[in-house]
Amino acid sequence: MQHQRKVMKKRKKICNFCLNDINSLDYKDINKVKKYISERGKILPRRVTGNCAKHQRLVTATIKRARIMALLAFVEE
């Protein structure tokens, strides 16, 4: 007996920033910034968030800025 695997077609993720025409992300807006951080405190990659390269760099810089300003912890426990 052969087992057949179901082929799931992955839906292309669309950049939320491009979709809503957002060109900036404020490091003081912690609720929006926390959407791009895992429960361990790591920055989520593009393949998870669906951001384009330009906006992923923006998110990364914003998270790092918020960490330096002590608005976000470097490590979550």
C-alpha atoms as a PDB file:
ATOM      1  CA  MET A   1       0.000   0.000   0.000  1.00  0.00           C
ATOM      2  CA  GLN A   2       1.307   3.355  -0.939  1.00  0.00           C
ATOM      3  CA  HIS A   3       0.643   6.397   1.157  1.00  0.00           C
ATOM      4  CA  GLN A   4      -0.304   9.517  -0.686  1.00  0.00           C
ATOM      5  CA  ARG A   5       0.555  12.897   0.682  1.00  0.00           C
ATOM      6  CA  LYS A   6      -1.760  15.815   0.339  1.00  0.00           C
ATOM      7  CA  VAL A   7      -0.137  18.713  -1.398  1.00  0.00           C
ATOM      8  CA  MET A   8      -1.021  21.934   0.326  1.00  0.00           C
ATOM      9  CA  LYS A   9      -0.661  25.027  -1.780  1.00  0.00           C
ATOM     10  CA  LYS A  10       0.868  27.802   0.290  1.00  0.00           C
ATOM     11  CA  ARG A  11      -0.761  31.182   0.100  1.00  0.00           C
ATOM     12  CA  LYS A  12       1.607  34.025  -0.697  1.00  0.00           C
ATOM     13  CA  LYS A  13       1.995  36.343   2.263  1.00  0.00           C
ATOM     14  CA  ILE A  14       1.467  40.005   1.530  1.00  0.00           C
ATOM     15  CA  CYS A  15       3.477  42.722   3.236  1.00  0.00           C
ATOM     16  CA  ASN A  16       1.185  44.507   5.685  1.00  0.00           C
ATOM     17  CA  PHE A  17       3.131  47.756   5.285  1.00  0.00           C
ATOM     18  CA  CYS A  18       2.852  47.772   1.486  1.00  0.00           C
ATOM     19  CA  LEU A  19      -0.821  46.814   1.611  1.00  0.00           C
ATOM     20  CA  ASN A  20      -1.750  49.724   3.913  1.00  0.00           C
ATOM     21  CA  ASP A  21       0.837  52.156   2.450  1.00  0.00           C
ATOM     22  CA  ILE A  22       2.729  52.543   5.751  1.00  0.00           C
ATOM     23  CA  ASN A  23       6.281  53.860   5.461  1.00  0.00           C
ATOM     24  CA  SER A  24       7.213  54.241   9.126  1.00  0.00           C
ATOM     25  CA  LEU A  25       6.943  52.352  12.394  1.00  0.00           C
ATOM     26  CA  ASP A  26       7.393  54.193  15.673  1.00  0.00           C
ATOM     27  CA  TYR A  27       9.613  52.483  18.250  1.00  0.00           C
ATOM     28  CA  LYS A  28       7.455  53.947  21.035  1.00  0.00           C
ATOM     29  CA  ASP A  29       4.363  52.073  19.789  1.00  0.00           C
ATOM     30  CA  ILE A  30       5.174  48.842  21.637  1.00  0.00           C
ATOM     31  CA  ASN A  31       1.916  47.034  20.805  1.00  0.00           C
ATOM     32  CA  LYS A  32       2.634  47.164  17.055  1.00  0.00           C
ATOM     33  CA  VAL A  33       6.298  46.300  17.524  1.00  0.00           C
ATOM     34  CA  LYS A  34       5.519  43.240  19.681  1.00  0.00           C
ATOM     35  CA  LYS A  35       3.679  41.616  16.753  1.00  0.00           C
ATOM     36  CA  TYR A  36       7.058  41.050  15.109  1.00  0.00           C
ATOM     37  CA  ILE A  37       8.746  39.456  18.145  1.00  0.00           C
ATOM     38  CA  SER A  38       8.484  35.820  19.250  1.00  0.00           C
ATOM     39  CA  GLU A  39       7.547  34.851  22.797  1.00  0.00           C
ATOM     40  CA  ARG A  40      11.276  34.317  23.453  1.00  0.00           C
ATOM     41  CA  GLY A  41      12.108  37.866  22.357  1.00  0.00           C
ATOM     42  CA  LYS A  42      13.557  37.086  18.931  1.00  0.00           C
ATOM     43  CA  ILE A  43      12.736  39.051  15.809  1.00  0.00           C
ATOM     44  CA  LEU A  44      10.472  37.012  13.538  1.00  0.00           C
ATOM     45  CA  PRO A  45      11.842  36.351  10.023  1.00  0.00           C
ATOM     46  CA  ARG A  46      10.288  37.479   6.765  1.00  0.00           C
ATOM     47  CA  ARG A  47       8.954  34.038   5.909  1.00  0.00           C
ATOM     48  CA  VAL A  48       6.825  34.148   9.083  1.00  0.00           C
ATOM     49  CA  THR A  49       5.676  37.781   9.038  1.00  0.00           C
ATOM     50  CA  GLY A  50       5.287  38.100   5.272  1.00  0.00           C
ATOM     51  CA  ASN A  51       7.038  41.475   5.112  1.00  0.00           C
ATOM     52  CA  CYS A  52       8.995  42.566   2.064  1.00  0.00           C
ATOM     53  CA  ALA A  53      12.753  43.087   2.464  1.00  0.00           C
ATOM     54  CA  LYS A  54      12.477  46.856   2.777  1.00  0.00           C
ATOM     55  CA  HIS A  55       9.913  46.748   5.548  1.00  0.00           C
ATOM     56  CA  GLN A  56      11.602  43.859   7.344  1.00  0.00           C
ATOM     57  CA  ARG A  57      14.707  46.060   7.658  1.00  0.00           C
ATOM     58  CA  LEU A  58      12.470  48.831   9.013  1.00  0.00           C
ATOM     59  CA  VAL A  59      10.940  46.467  11.592  1.00  0.00           C
ATOM     60  CA  THR A  60      14.368  45.179  12.636  1.00  0.00           C
ATOM     61  CA  ALA A  61      15.775  48.677  13.110  1.00  0.00           C
ATOM     62  CA  THR A  62      12.683  49.733  15.073  1.00  0.00           C
ATOM     63  CA  ILE A  63      12.896  46.718  17.398  1.00  0.00           C
ATOM     64  CA  LYS A  64      16.594  47.307  18.016  1.00  0.00           C
ATOM     65  CA  ARG A  65      15.937  50.982  18.749  1.00  0.00           C
ATOM     66  CA  ALA A  66      13.180  50.094  21.228  1.00  0.00           C
ATOM     67  CA  ARG A  67      15.496  47.608  22.952  1.00  0.00           C
ATOM     68  CA  ILE A  68      18.244  50.201  23.354  1.00  0.00           C
ATOM     69  CA  MET A  69      15.738  52.713  24.753  1.00  0.00           C
ATOM     70  CA  ALA A  70      14.664  49.992  27.260  1.00  0.00           C
ATOM     71  CA  LEU A  71      11.092  49.870  25.978  1.00  0.00           C
ATOM     72  CA  LEU A  72      11.536  46.202  25.043  1.00  0.00           C
ATOM     73  CA  ALA A  73      13.562  43.532  26.780  1.00  0.00           C
ATOM     74  CA  PHE A  74      16.401  41.888  24.878  1.00  0.00           C
ATOM     75  CA  VAL A  75      15.304  38.470  26.150  1.00  0.00           C
ATOM     76  CA  GLU A  76      11.868  37.341  27.307  1.00  0.00           C
ATOM     77  CA  GLU A  77      11.644  34.699  30.001  1.00  0.00           C
END
